[in-house]
N, C-alpha and C. Protein backbone atom coordinates (compact mmCIF):
# COMPACT_ATOMS: atom_id res chain seq x y z
N MET A 1 9.42 -10.56 21.77
CA MET A 1 9.59 -9.30 21.06
C MET A 1 9.25 -9.54 19.60
N LEU A 2 8.37 -8.72 19.06
CA LEU A 2 7.95 -8.83 17.66
C LEU A 2 8.84 -7.93 16.80
N ASN A 3 8.66 -6.62 16.87
CA ASN A 3 9.56 -5.64 16.30
C ASN A 3 9.32 -4.35 17.05
N SER A 4 10.18 -3.36 16.89
CA SER A 4 10.07 -2.18 17.75
C SER A 4 8.76 -1.43 17.57
N PHE A 5 8.17 -1.48 16.37
CA PHE A 5 6.88 -0.82 16.16
C PHE A 5 5.77 -1.50 16.96
N TYR A 6 5.63 -2.80 16.80
CA TYR A 6 4.58 -3.52 17.50
C TYR A 6 4.85 -3.68 18.99
N ASP A 7 6.11 -3.75 19.38
CA ASP A 7 6.43 -3.86 20.80
C ASP A 7 5.86 -2.70 21.60
N LYS A 8 5.88 -1.49 21.05
CA LYS A 8 5.31 -0.33 21.75
C LYS A 8 3.82 -0.55 22.00
N PHE A 9 3.10 -1.12 21.03
CA PHE A 9 1.67 -1.34 21.18
C PHE A 9 1.37 -2.49 22.15
N ILE A 10 2.25 -3.47 22.16
CA ILE A 10 2.07 -4.57 23.14
C ILE A 10 2.25 -4.02 24.54
N PHE A 11 3.27 -3.20 24.73
CA PHE A 11 3.57 -2.62 26.05
C PHE A 11 2.45 -1.71 26.52
N THR A 12 1.84 -0.97 25.63
CA THR A 12 0.77 -0.02 26.01
C THR A 12 -0.64 -0.59 25.85
N SER A 13 -0.71 -1.88 25.58
CA SER A 13 -1.97 -2.58 25.37
C SER A 13 -2.75 -2.09 24.15
N GLY A 14 -2.03 -1.54 23.19
CA GLY A 14 -2.66 -1.10 21.94
C GLY A 14 -2.82 -2.23 20.95
N LEU A 15 -2.13 -3.34 21.18
CA LEU A 15 -2.25 -4.53 20.34
C LEU A 15 -2.94 -5.59 21.20
N LYS A 16 -4.08 -6.07 20.70
CA LYS A 16 -4.87 -7.02 21.48
C LYS A 16 -5.29 -8.21 20.63
N TYR A 17 -5.53 -9.30 21.30
CA TYR A 17 -6.10 -10.49 20.70
C TYR A 17 -7.34 -10.81 21.48
N GLN A 18 -8.51 -10.57 20.92
CA GLN A 18 -9.79 -10.81 21.60
C GLN A 18 -10.74 -11.55 20.68
N HIS A 19 -11.46 -12.51 21.26
CA HIS A 19 -12.49 -13.23 20.51
C HIS A 19 -11.93 -13.80 19.21
N ASN A 20 -10.70 -14.33 19.29
CA ASN A 20 -10.03 -14.93 18.15
C ASN A 20 -9.71 -13.95 17.02
N ASN A 21 -9.55 -12.68 17.35
CA ASN A 21 -9.21 -11.65 16.38
C ASN A 21 -8.10 -10.76 16.91
N PHE A 22 -7.26 -10.24 16.00
CA PHE A 22 -6.22 -9.28 16.35
C PHE A 22 -6.75 -7.87 16.15
N TYR A 23 -6.31 -6.95 17.03
CA TYR A 23 -6.68 -5.53 16.92
C TYR A 23 -5.45 -4.70 17.21
N LEU A 24 -5.18 -3.71 16.36
CA LEU A 24 -4.17 -2.71 16.62
C LEU A 24 -4.87 -1.37 16.71
N LEU A 25 -4.89 -0.79 17.91
CA LEU A 25 -5.63 0.46 18.13
C LEU A 25 -7.06 0.34 17.66
N ASN A 26 -7.69 -0.77 17.97
CA ASN A 26 -9.08 -1.10 17.60
C ASN A 26 -9.29 -1.35 16.11
N LEU A 27 -8.21 -1.43 15.34
CA LEU A 27 -8.28 -1.77 13.92
C LEU A 27 -8.12 -3.30 13.80
N PRO A 28 -9.15 -4.01 13.34
CA PRO A 28 -9.01 -5.45 13.19
C PRO A 28 -8.05 -5.79 12.04
N PHE A 29 -7.23 -6.78 12.22
CA PHE A 29 -6.34 -7.23 11.17
C PHE A 29 -6.10 -8.74 11.30
N VAL A 30 -5.58 -9.31 10.22
CA VAL A 30 -5.29 -10.75 10.21
C VAL A 30 -3.84 -10.97 9.80
N ILE A 31 -3.36 -12.11 10.18
CA ILE A 31 -2.04 -12.55 9.73
C ILE A 31 -2.33 -13.74 8.79
N MET A 32 -1.77 -13.67 7.60
CA MET A 32 -2.07 -14.70 6.61
C MET A 32 -0.84 -15.03 5.80
N PRO A 33 -0.80 -16.21 5.20
CA PRO A 33 0.33 -16.57 4.35
C PRO A 33 0.41 -15.68 3.11
N VAL A 34 1.60 -15.27 2.77
CA VAL A 34 1.83 -14.42 1.61
C VAL A 34 1.40 -15.17 0.33
N GLN A 35 1.52 -16.47 0.31
CA GLN A 35 1.17 -17.24 -0.86
C GLN A 35 -0.26 -16.98 -1.31
N ALA A 36 -1.15 -16.68 -0.38
CA ALA A 36 -2.55 -16.39 -0.75
C ALA A 36 -2.61 -15.14 -1.62
N LEU A 37 -1.88 -14.09 -1.24
CA LEU A 37 -1.86 -12.86 -2.05
C LEU A 37 -1.10 -13.07 -3.35
N ALA A 38 -0.01 -13.84 -3.29
CA ALA A 38 0.76 -14.12 -4.50
C ALA A 38 -0.06 -14.91 -5.50
N ALA A 39 -0.89 -15.83 -5.02
CA ALA A 39 -1.75 -16.63 -5.93
C ALA A 39 -2.72 -15.73 -6.68
N ILE A 40 -3.23 -14.70 -6.02
CA ILE A 40 -4.12 -13.74 -6.71
C ILE A 40 -3.31 -12.99 -7.75
N ALA A 41 -2.12 -12.53 -7.37
CA ALA A 41 -1.28 -11.76 -8.30
C ALA A 41 -0.88 -12.62 -9.52
N GLU A 42 -0.63 -13.90 -9.33
CA GLU A 42 -0.19 -14.77 -10.41
C GLU A 42 -1.32 -15.06 -11.40
N GLN A 43 -2.52 -14.60 -11.15
CA GLN A 43 -3.59 -14.75 -12.13
C GLN A 43 -3.34 -13.89 -13.36
N ASN A 44 -2.48 -12.85 -13.20
CA ASN A 44 -2.14 -11.97 -14.31
C ASN A 44 -3.40 -11.43 -14.99
N ASP A 45 -4.37 -11.07 -14.18
CA ASP A 45 -5.68 -10.62 -14.66
C ASP A 45 -5.82 -9.13 -14.35
N ALA A 46 -5.66 -8.30 -15.37
CA ALA A 46 -5.70 -6.86 -15.20
C ALA A 46 -7.07 -6.39 -14.65
N LYS A 47 -8.16 -6.98 -15.11
CA LYS A 47 -9.48 -6.58 -14.66
C LYS A 47 -9.62 -6.88 -13.16
N LEU A 48 -9.23 -8.07 -12.72
CA LEU A 48 -9.29 -8.41 -11.31
C LEU A 48 -8.38 -7.48 -10.51
N GLY A 49 -7.19 -7.22 -11.01
CA GLY A 49 -6.28 -6.32 -10.32
C GLY A 49 -6.88 -4.94 -10.11
N LYS A 50 -7.56 -4.41 -11.13
CA LYS A 50 -8.19 -3.10 -11.00
C LYS A 50 -9.31 -3.13 -9.97
N GLN A 51 -10.08 -4.20 -9.95
CA GLN A 51 -11.17 -4.31 -8.97
C GLN A 51 -10.60 -4.31 -7.55
N ILE A 52 -9.55 -5.06 -7.33
CA ILE A 52 -8.91 -5.11 -6.01
C ILE A 52 -8.33 -3.75 -5.67
N TYR A 53 -7.61 -3.16 -6.60
CA TYR A 53 -6.97 -1.86 -6.37
C TYR A 53 -7.99 -0.81 -5.94
N TYR A 54 -9.05 -0.65 -6.71
CA TYR A 54 -10.02 0.39 -6.38
C TYR A 54 -10.78 0.11 -5.09
N ALA A 55 -11.03 -1.15 -4.80
CA ALA A 55 -11.69 -1.51 -3.52
C ALA A 55 -10.79 -1.16 -2.33
N VAL A 56 -9.52 -1.51 -2.44
CA VAL A 56 -8.57 -1.20 -1.36
C VAL A 56 -8.39 0.30 -1.23
N LYS A 57 -8.20 0.99 -2.33
CA LYS A 57 -8.01 2.44 -2.32
C LYS A 57 -9.20 3.12 -1.62
N ASP A 58 -10.40 2.77 -2.03
CA ASP A 58 -11.59 3.38 -1.45
C ASP A 58 -11.73 3.07 0.02
N ALA A 59 -11.43 1.83 0.43
CA ALA A 59 -11.54 1.45 1.84
C ALA A 59 -10.51 2.23 2.69
N VAL A 60 -9.29 2.32 2.21
CA VAL A 60 -8.26 3.05 2.95
C VAL A 60 -8.59 4.53 3.00
N ARG A 61 -8.98 5.07 1.89
CA ARG A 61 -9.30 6.50 1.85
C ARG A 61 -10.45 6.83 2.81
N ALA A 62 -11.45 6.01 2.85
CA ALA A 62 -12.61 6.26 3.72
C ALA A 62 -12.31 5.98 5.18
N GLY A 63 -11.38 5.05 5.44
CA GLY A 63 -11.15 4.62 6.81
C GLY A 63 -9.93 5.21 7.50
N MET A 64 -9.21 6.13 6.86
CA MET A 64 -7.98 6.65 7.45
C MET A 64 -8.17 7.24 8.83
N LYS A 65 -9.09 8.17 8.99
CA LYS A 65 -9.29 8.80 10.29
C LYS A 65 -9.90 7.82 11.28
N LYS A 66 -10.93 7.11 10.82
CA LYS A 66 -11.68 6.21 11.71
C LYS A 66 -10.85 4.99 12.11
N GLU A 67 -10.36 4.27 11.13
CA GLU A 67 -9.69 3.00 11.41
C GLU A 67 -8.24 3.18 11.87
N PHE A 68 -7.48 4.04 11.19
CA PHE A 68 -6.06 4.20 11.52
C PHE A 68 -5.80 5.32 12.49
N SER A 69 -6.82 6.14 12.79
CA SER A 69 -6.65 7.30 13.67
C SER A 69 -5.57 8.25 13.16
N VAL A 70 -5.52 8.40 11.82
CA VAL A 70 -4.56 9.32 11.22
C VAL A 70 -5.32 10.46 10.56
N ASP A 71 -4.98 11.67 10.97
CA ASP A 71 -5.57 12.88 10.39
C ASP A 71 -4.41 13.73 9.88
N PHE A 72 -4.18 13.70 8.55
CA PHE A 72 -3.04 14.42 7.99
C PHE A 72 -3.14 15.93 8.20
N GLY A 73 -4.38 16.45 8.32
CA GLY A 73 -4.55 17.87 8.59
C GLY A 73 -3.93 18.26 9.93
N VAL A 74 -3.97 17.35 10.87
CA VAL A 74 -3.41 17.60 12.22
C VAL A 74 -1.99 17.10 12.29
N GLN A 75 -1.73 15.90 11.78
CA GLN A 75 -0.45 15.24 11.96
C GLN A 75 0.56 15.51 10.83
N GLY A 76 0.07 15.89 9.65
CA GLY A 76 0.96 16.17 8.53
C GLY A 76 1.90 15.04 8.23
N ASP A 77 3.19 15.38 8.09
CA ASP A 77 4.20 14.38 7.73
C ASP A 77 4.35 13.29 8.79
N LYS A 78 4.08 13.58 10.04
CA LYS A 78 4.16 12.55 11.09
C LYS A 78 3.16 11.43 10.82
N GLY A 79 1.97 11.78 10.33
CA GLY A 79 0.98 10.78 9.98
C GLY A 79 1.44 9.92 8.83
N LEU A 80 2.08 10.55 7.83
CA LEU A 80 2.62 9.81 6.69
C LEU A 80 3.75 8.88 7.12
N GLU A 81 4.60 9.36 8.01
CA GLU A 81 5.68 8.54 8.54
C GLU A 81 5.11 7.34 9.33
N PHE A 82 4.03 7.59 10.10
CA PHE A 82 3.39 6.51 10.84
C PHE A 82 2.92 5.43 9.87
N MET A 83 2.27 5.83 8.75
CA MET A 83 1.75 4.87 7.80
C MET A 83 2.88 4.07 7.16
N GLU A 84 3.99 4.72 6.80
CA GLU A 84 5.13 4.01 6.24
C GLU A 84 5.67 2.99 7.24
N THR A 85 5.78 3.40 8.49
CA THR A 85 6.27 2.50 9.53
C THR A 85 5.32 1.34 9.77
N PHE A 86 4.01 1.66 9.82
CA PHE A 86 3.01 0.64 10.04
C PHE A 86 3.08 -0.46 8.98
N PHE A 87 3.11 -0.07 7.67
CA PHE A 87 3.14 -1.07 6.62
C PHE A 87 4.47 -1.81 6.58
N SER A 88 5.57 -1.13 6.85
CA SER A 88 6.87 -1.80 6.88
C SER A 88 6.90 -2.81 8.04
N ALA A 89 6.46 -2.39 9.22
CA ALA A 89 6.48 -3.27 10.39
C ALA A 89 5.50 -4.41 10.27
N SER A 90 4.48 -4.25 9.41
CA SER A 90 3.47 -5.29 9.24
C SER A 90 3.85 -6.34 8.20
N GLY A 91 5.04 -6.22 7.65
CA GLY A 91 5.53 -7.28 6.78
C GLY A 91 5.31 -7.07 5.30
N TRP A 92 4.99 -5.84 4.86
CA TRP A 92 4.78 -5.57 3.44
C TRP A 92 6.05 -5.22 2.73
N GLY A 93 7.21 -5.32 3.38
CA GLY A 93 8.49 -4.90 2.84
C GLY A 93 8.83 -3.54 3.41
N LYS A 94 10.02 -3.04 3.09
CA LYS A 94 10.43 -1.71 3.58
C LYS A 94 9.79 -0.66 2.66
N VAL A 95 8.87 0.10 3.22
CA VAL A 95 8.14 1.12 2.46
C VAL A 95 8.75 2.47 2.75
N GLN A 96 9.17 3.19 1.68
CA GLN A 96 9.74 4.52 1.90
C GLN A 96 9.47 5.44 0.73
N ARG A 97 9.16 6.67 1.06
CA ARG A 97 9.03 7.71 0.02
C ARG A 97 10.44 8.03 -0.45
N THR A 98 10.66 7.97 -1.74
CA THR A 98 11.97 8.34 -2.26
C THR A 98 11.94 9.71 -2.91
N ASN A 99 10.72 10.22 -3.16
CA ASN A 99 10.60 11.57 -3.71
C ASN A 99 9.14 11.99 -3.50
N MET A 100 8.93 13.26 -3.19
CA MET A 100 7.57 13.75 -3.03
C MET A 100 7.55 15.24 -3.36
N ASP A 101 6.52 15.64 -4.11
CA ASP A 101 6.30 17.05 -4.43
C ASP A 101 4.84 17.35 -4.09
N VAL A 102 4.62 17.96 -2.93
CA VAL A 102 3.28 18.24 -2.47
C VAL A 102 2.55 19.20 -3.41
N SER A 103 3.27 20.21 -3.93
CA SER A 103 2.62 21.19 -4.80
C SER A 103 2.12 20.56 -6.10
N GLN A 104 2.75 19.49 -6.53
CA GLN A 104 2.34 18.81 -7.77
C GLN A 104 1.52 17.56 -7.48
N THR A 105 1.23 17.31 -6.21
CA THR A 105 0.52 16.10 -5.74
C THR A 105 1.10 14.83 -6.37
N ARG A 106 2.41 14.67 -6.16
CA ARG A 106 3.13 13.51 -6.72
C ARG A 106 4.03 12.91 -5.65
N ALA A 107 4.21 11.61 -5.74
CA ALA A 107 5.15 10.91 -4.86
C ALA A 107 5.70 9.70 -5.59
N LEU A 108 6.91 9.38 -5.26
CA LEU A 108 7.54 8.13 -5.69
C LEU A 108 7.83 7.33 -4.43
N VAL A 109 7.33 6.11 -4.37
CA VAL A 109 7.48 5.27 -3.20
C VAL A 109 8.19 4.00 -3.66
N THR A 110 9.17 3.58 -2.86
CA THR A 110 9.90 2.35 -3.13
C THR A 110 9.59 1.34 -2.03
N VAL A 111 9.36 0.10 -2.45
CA VAL A 111 9.18 -0.98 -1.49
C VAL A 111 10.28 -2.00 -1.77
N THR A 112 11.11 -2.20 -0.78
CA THR A 112 12.18 -3.17 -0.85
C THR A 112 11.72 -4.46 -0.21
N ASN A 113 11.98 -5.56 -0.82
CA ASN A 113 11.64 -6.89 -0.31
C ASN A 113 10.13 -7.10 -0.15
N SER A 114 9.36 -6.71 -1.15
CA SER A 114 7.93 -6.98 -1.12
C SER A 114 7.71 -8.48 -1.05
N PRO A 115 7.04 -8.99 -0.01
CA PRO A 115 6.88 -10.43 0.09
C PRO A 115 6.01 -11.01 -1.00
N VAL A 116 5.01 -10.24 -1.47
CA VAL A 116 4.15 -10.73 -2.55
C VAL A 116 4.98 -10.86 -3.83
N ALA A 117 5.77 -9.85 -4.13
CA ALA A 117 6.61 -9.87 -5.34
C ALA A 117 7.65 -10.99 -5.27
N MET A 118 8.20 -11.25 -4.10
CA MET A 118 9.21 -12.33 -3.96
C MET A 118 8.56 -13.69 -4.16
N GLU A 119 7.30 -13.82 -3.81
CA GLU A 119 6.61 -15.12 -3.87
C GLU A 119 5.93 -15.38 -5.21
N ALA A 120 5.57 -14.33 -5.95
CA ALA A 120 4.81 -14.48 -7.19
C ALA A 120 5.75 -14.81 -8.35
N LYS A 121 6.07 -16.07 -8.46
CA LYS A 121 7.06 -16.54 -9.45
C LYS A 121 6.50 -16.60 -10.88
N LYS A 122 5.19 -16.66 -11.03
CA LYS A 122 4.57 -16.78 -12.37
C LYS A 122 4.01 -15.45 -12.85
N ALA A 123 4.44 -14.37 -12.27
CA ALA A 123 3.90 -13.04 -12.62
C ALA A 123 4.37 -12.60 -14.00
N LYS A 124 3.45 -12.00 -14.73
CA LYS A 124 3.78 -11.43 -16.04
C LYS A 124 3.49 -9.93 -16.06
N MET A 125 3.01 -9.41 -14.90
CA MET A 125 2.73 -7.98 -14.75
C MET A 125 3.01 -7.61 -13.28
N PRO A 126 3.15 -6.33 -12.97
CA PRO A 126 3.41 -5.95 -11.57
C PRO A 126 2.35 -6.54 -10.63
N VAL A 127 2.79 -6.94 -9.44
CA VAL A 127 1.93 -7.74 -8.56
C VAL A 127 1.44 -7.08 -7.27
N ASP A 128 1.95 -5.92 -6.95
CA ASP A 128 1.64 -5.34 -5.63
C ASP A 128 0.38 -4.49 -5.67
N THR A 129 -0.70 -5.11 -6.08
CA THR A 129 -1.99 -4.43 -6.22
C THR A 129 -2.49 -3.89 -4.88
N PHE A 130 -2.34 -4.67 -3.82
CA PHE A 130 -2.80 -4.22 -2.51
C PHE A 130 -1.99 -3.01 -2.05
N ILE A 131 -0.68 -3.03 -2.21
CA ILE A 131 0.15 -1.88 -1.86
C ILE A 131 -0.25 -0.66 -2.67
N ARG A 132 -0.51 -0.83 -3.96
CA ARG A 132 -0.94 0.29 -4.80
C ARG A 132 -2.22 0.91 -4.25
N GLY A 133 -3.17 0.06 -3.84
CA GLY A 133 -4.42 0.58 -3.28
C GLY A 133 -4.19 1.30 -1.97
N PHE A 134 -3.33 0.75 -1.11
CA PHE A 134 -3.02 1.41 0.15
C PHE A 134 -2.40 2.78 -0.14
N LEU A 135 -1.42 2.82 -1.03
CA LEU A 135 -0.73 4.09 -1.33
C LEU A 135 -1.69 5.11 -1.92
N ALA A 136 -2.53 4.69 -2.87
CA ALA A 136 -3.47 5.64 -3.49
C ALA A 136 -4.44 6.21 -2.44
N GLY A 137 -4.92 5.36 -1.55
CA GLY A 137 -5.83 5.83 -0.50
C GLY A 137 -5.14 6.78 0.48
N ILE A 138 -3.95 6.39 0.91
CA ILE A 138 -3.20 7.21 1.87
C ILE A 138 -2.85 8.56 1.27
N PHE A 139 -2.29 8.56 0.06
CA PHE A 139 -1.87 9.83 -0.55
C PHE A 139 -3.05 10.65 -1.00
N SER A 140 -4.16 10.06 -1.36
CA SER A 140 -5.37 10.86 -1.66
C SER A 140 -5.77 11.66 -0.41
N ASN A 141 -5.69 11.03 0.75
CA ASN A 141 -6.00 11.76 1.99
C ASN A 141 -4.92 12.78 2.30
N TYR A 142 -3.67 12.41 2.13
CA TYR A 142 -2.58 13.31 2.46
C TYR A 142 -2.61 14.57 1.58
N PHE A 143 -2.79 14.36 0.25
CA PHE A 143 -2.81 15.49 -0.67
C PHE A 143 -4.15 16.23 -0.70
N LYS A 144 -5.15 15.60 -0.08
CA LYS A 144 -6.53 16.15 -0.05
C LYS A 144 -7.10 16.29 -1.46
N THR A 145 -6.73 15.37 -2.32
CA THR A 145 -7.28 15.29 -3.67
C THR A 145 -7.08 13.85 -4.17
N ASP A 146 -7.89 13.42 -5.10
CA ASP A 146 -7.80 12.06 -5.59
C ASP A 146 -6.55 11.85 -6.43
N VAL A 147 -5.79 10.83 -6.08
CA VAL A 147 -4.61 10.44 -6.85
C VAL A 147 -4.67 8.94 -7.10
N GLU A 148 -3.91 8.49 -8.09
CA GLU A 148 -3.81 7.10 -8.45
C GLU A 148 -2.39 6.62 -8.22
N CYS A 149 -2.19 5.34 -8.31
CA CYS A 149 -0.86 4.74 -8.09
C CYS A 149 -0.62 3.66 -9.12
N VAL A 150 0.55 3.70 -9.75
CA VAL A 150 0.97 2.71 -10.72
C VAL A 150 2.31 2.15 -10.28
N GLU A 151 2.43 0.84 -10.33
CA GLU A 151 3.70 0.18 -10.02
C GLU A 151 4.51 0.16 -11.31
N VAL A 152 5.63 0.89 -11.32
CA VAL A 152 6.43 1.03 -12.55
C VAL A 152 7.63 0.09 -12.58
N LYS A 153 8.03 -0.44 -11.43
CA LYS A 153 9.07 -1.45 -11.34
C LYS A 153 8.58 -2.49 -10.36
N CYS A 154 8.85 -3.77 -10.66
CA CYS A 154 8.36 -4.84 -9.79
C CYS A 154 9.45 -5.92 -9.61
N LEU A 155 9.71 -6.24 -8.38
CA LEU A 155 10.66 -7.30 -8.06
C LEU A 155 10.28 -8.62 -8.71
N ALA A 156 8.99 -8.90 -8.84
CA ALA A 156 8.51 -10.14 -9.45
C ALA A 156 8.89 -10.22 -10.93
N LEU A 157 9.17 -9.06 -11.53
CA LEU A 157 9.52 -9.02 -12.94
C LEU A 157 11.01 -8.79 -13.16
N GLY A 158 11.81 -9.06 -12.14
CA GLY A 158 13.25 -9.00 -12.28
C GLY A 158 13.91 -7.71 -11.81
N GLU A 159 13.16 -6.77 -11.31
CA GLU A 159 13.75 -5.51 -10.78
C GLU A 159 14.31 -5.78 -9.37
N LYS A 160 15.16 -4.87 -8.88
CA LYS A 160 15.74 -5.03 -7.55
C LYS A 160 14.77 -4.67 -6.44
N GLU A 161 13.78 -3.85 -6.76
CA GLU A 161 12.77 -3.43 -5.78
C GLU A 161 11.53 -3.00 -6.56
N CYS A 162 10.51 -2.63 -5.83
CA CYS A 162 9.25 -2.20 -6.46
C CYS A 162 9.12 -0.69 -6.32
N ASP A 163 8.85 -0.01 -7.42
CA ASP A 163 8.66 1.46 -7.41
C ASP A 163 7.24 1.79 -7.80
N PHE A 164 6.67 2.76 -7.11
CA PHE A 164 5.28 3.18 -7.34
C PHE A 164 5.22 4.67 -7.57
N VAL A 165 4.52 5.08 -8.60
CA VAL A 165 4.31 6.49 -8.90
C VAL A 165 2.89 6.84 -8.45
N VAL A 166 2.78 7.89 -7.66
CA VAL A 166 1.49 8.37 -7.17
C VAL A 166 1.30 9.78 -7.72
N LYS A 167 0.16 10.00 -8.40
CA LYS A 167 -0.15 11.33 -8.94
C LYS A 167 -1.59 11.33 -9.43
N PRO A 168 -2.13 12.48 -9.80
CA PRO A 168 -3.49 12.52 -10.34
C PRO A 168 -3.61 11.69 -11.63
N ALA A 169 -4.76 11.09 -11.86
CA ALA A 169 -4.97 10.24 -13.04
C ALA A 169 -4.65 10.97 -14.35
N LYS A 170 -5.03 12.24 -14.40
CA LYS A 170 -4.82 13.03 -15.63
C LYS A 170 -3.34 13.18 -16.01
N ASP A 171 -2.45 12.95 -15.04
CA ASP A 171 -1.02 13.09 -15.29
C ASP A 171 -0.33 11.81 -15.75
N PHE A 172 -1.09 10.70 -15.80
CA PHE A 172 -0.53 9.44 -16.30
C PHE A 172 -0.71 9.36 -17.80
N ASP A 173 0.22 8.68 -18.47
CA ASP A 173 0.15 8.46 -19.91
C ASP A 173 -0.58 7.13 -20.13
N PHE A 174 -1.85 7.22 -20.52
CA PHE A 174 -2.67 6.02 -20.68
C PHE A 174 -2.36 5.24 -21.97
N SER A 175 -1.39 5.71 -22.75
CA SER A 175 -0.97 4.92 -23.91
C SER A 175 0.06 3.85 -23.47
N LYS A 176 0.57 3.97 -22.24
CA LYS A 176 1.54 2.99 -21.75
C LYS A 176 0.81 1.76 -21.22
N LYS A 177 1.34 0.60 -21.57
CA LYS A 177 0.73 -0.67 -21.20
C LYS A 177 0.54 -0.81 -19.69
N ALA A 178 1.56 -0.50 -18.90
CA ALA A 178 1.45 -0.65 -17.44
C ALA A 178 0.35 0.20 -16.86
N VAL A 179 0.18 1.40 -17.38
CA VAL A 179 -0.87 2.29 -16.88
C VAL A 179 -2.24 1.73 -17.24
N LYS A 180 -2.39 1.30 -18.49
CA LYS A 180 -3.70 0.72 -18.95
C LYS A 180 -4.05 -0.54 -18.16
N GLU A 181 -3.05 -1.35 -17.83
CA GLU A 181 -3.30 -2.58 -17.06
C GLU A 181 -3.69 -2.30 -15.62
N GLN A 182 -3.20 -1.19 -15.06
CA GLN A 182 -3.38 -0.96 -13.62
C GLN A 182 -4.47 0.06 -13.28
N LEU A 183 -4.86 0.91 -14.24
CA LEU A 183 -5.86 1.96 -13.94
C LEU A 183 -6.98 1.94 -14.96
N ASP A 184 -8.17 2.34 -14.51
CA ASP A 184 -9.30 2.56 -15.43
C ASP A 184 -9.07 3.86 -16.16
N VAL A 185 -9.38 3.88 -17.45
CA VAL A 185 -9.22 5.11 -18.24
C VAL A 185 -10.33 6.07 -17.88
């Protein structure tokens, strides 16, 4: 038994291991040591972080329907709940929306026990770049408009959990250091 989320896919043959690769509903994925992601985060390189963030955001945004089989137009909140469960069950920490305003295209997401943040001991800036990219891509599809994501609290920097603000770029204050480090102006 893995966890209740993955057990359903094992039982229904939705989780496969073929040709030395893992697939969940035909989505290829890998299992890797968290230290590899933490080592990237510990570079404390804002430019590298932005490159990773935008690459992940664009990949998730483009691949939501195709790769994840999630169509928010059809599934609505159920699709969003599936994505939260998928990332939580996949070991990214407990991912949960703590506040959302669809009319303002804004969301606050909290990640408890982020494994990257727990491992990145030399971090001097927020470290969950991959999660930010996932969230920006997912919520851009959900809101049907482009949004960005900034990590405003990070476990690696002494906070109890990681908090992420998702909203349109124009609504961020680019005079703030965290915003400048995480987003292109």
